[in-house]
Amino acid sequence: MRTMFTILTTLLFSMTLMGAESFYGTWKLNVAKSKLPCSADLTSETMKIVETGPDSYRNVVDVVLKSGETRHQEGANRVFDGKDDAVPG
């Protein structure tokens, strides 16, 4: 019984860790529910975080304003190495 409990606990813990990669992905702002001051000017906003290496990522933001203007912004390549790095701009 004790062995079965250990195996079951180990499997559940490993499955939890496998689901921890949710940092990368695409998020869309729900403008209707947003309480941000700038959301009154937005039609839509999409943010995408892309993995660029084993310990690095970059973010891309696409915005569409009510005036029809679109904006595209790409963030610098960020590295998770535990060191302080200068950010351009």
Protein backbone atom coordinates (compact mmCIF):
# COMPACT_ATOMS: atom_id res chain seq x y z
CA MET A 1 0.00 0.00 0.00
CA ARG A 2 2.81 2.38 0.88
CA THR A 3 4.57 1.64 -2.42
CA MET A 4 1.39 2.30 -4.38
CA PHE A 5 0.92 5.64 -2.59
CA THR A 6 4.53 6.64 -3.40
CA ILE A 7 4.13 5.75 -7.07
CA LEU A 8 0.82 7.59 -7.35
CA THR A 9 2.22 10.70 -5.64
CA THR A 10 5.28 10.69 -7.92
CA LEU A 11 3.12 10.42 -11.05
CA LEU A 12 0.81 13.22 -9.97
CA PHE A 13 3.73 15.49 -9.10
CA SER A 14 5.47 14.84 -12.45
CA MET A 15 2.24 15.58 -14.34
CA THR A 16 1.97 18.89 -12.48
CA LEU A 17 5.50 19.83 -13.51
CA MET A 18 4.78 18.96 -17.12
CA GLY A 19 1.93 21.47 -17.11
CA ALA A 20 4.17 24.24 -15.74
CA GLU A 21 5.26 25.38 -19.23
CA SER A 22 2.25 27.71 -19.48
CA PHE A 23 4.52 30.79 -19.43
CA TYR A 24 4.82 30.64 -23.22
CA GLY A 25 1.76 31.22 -25.34
CA THR A 26 -0.68 33.78 -26.68
CA TRP A 27 -2.98 36.01 -24.62
CA LYS A 28 -5.78 38.21 -25.91
CA LEU A 29 -7.07 41.17 -23.91
CA ASN A 30 -10.81 41.14 -23.28
CA VAL A 31 -11.43 44.85 -23.90
CA ALA A 32 -15.03 44.67 -22.63
CA LYS A 33 -13.92 43.46 -19.19
CA SER A 34 -10.69 45.43 -19.00
CA LYS A 35 -10.35 48.16 -16.38
CA LEU A 36 -7.11 49.54 -17.84
CA PRO A 37 -7.30 53.29 -18.57
CA CYS A 38 -5.91 52.77 -22.08
CA SER A 39 -8.48 50.09 -23.01
CA ALA A 40 -11.00 52.75 -24.05
CA ASP A 41 -8.89 53.40 -27.17
CA LEU A 42 -8.36 49.72 -28.05
CA THR A 43 -10.22 47.40 -30.35
CA SER A 44 -7.95 44.43 -29.60
CA GLU A 45 -4.58 43.56 -28.09
CA THR A 46 -2.71 40.28 -28.43
CA MET A 47 0.48 39.39 -26.57
CA LYS A 48 2.58 36.42 -27.60
CA ILE A 49 5.52 35.07 -25.59
CA VAL A 50 7.78 32.88 -27.72
CA GLU A 51 10.54 30.60 -26.48
CA THR A 52 13.77 31.42 -28.34
CA GLY A 53 16.09 29.03 -26.54
CA PRO A 54 16.26 26.74 -23.54
CA ASP A 55 16.35 29.66 -21.07
CA SER A 56 15.26 32.62 -23.18
CA TYR A 57 12.13 34.22 -24.62
CA ARG A 58 10.89 37.26 -26.51
CA ASN A 59 7.51 38.93 -26.44
CA VAL A 60 5.44 40.32 -29.32
CA VAL A 61 2.48 42.67 -28.81
CA ASP A 62 -0.01 43.54 -31.55
CA VAL A 63 -2.52 46.34 -30.87
CA VAL A 64 -5.44 47.59 -32.97
CA LEU A 65 -6.82 51.00 -32.01
CA LYS A 66 -10.40 52.20 -32.57
CA SER A 67 -9.04 54.62 -35.18
CA GLY A 68 -7.94 51.60 -37.25
CA GLU A 69 -4.24 52.14 -36.56
CA THR A 70 -2.24 49.00 -35.83
CA ARG A 71 0.88 48.80 -33.69
CA HIS A 72 3.42 45.99 -33.54
CA GLN A 73 6.04 45.83 -30.79
CA GLU A 74 8.70 43.18 -30.28
CA GLY A 75 10.53 42.96 -26.98
CA ALA A 76 14.19 42.22 -26.52
CA ASN A 77 15.37 38.65 -26.18
CA ARG A 78 15.23 37.95 -22.42
CA VAL A 79 17.47 35.33 -20.84
CA PHE A 80 16.80 33.48 -17.58
CA ASP A 81 20.40 33.05 -16.46
CA GLY A 82 20.22 34.70 -13.03
CA LYS A 83 22.44 37.62 -14.10
CA ASP A 84 21.64 41.30 -14.53
CA ASP A 85 21.53 42.25 -18.21
CA ALA A 86 21.14 45.67 -19.80
CA VAL A 87 17.85 46.23 -21.63
CA PRO A 88 18.15 48.14 -24.92
CA GLY A 89 16.02 51.25 -25.28
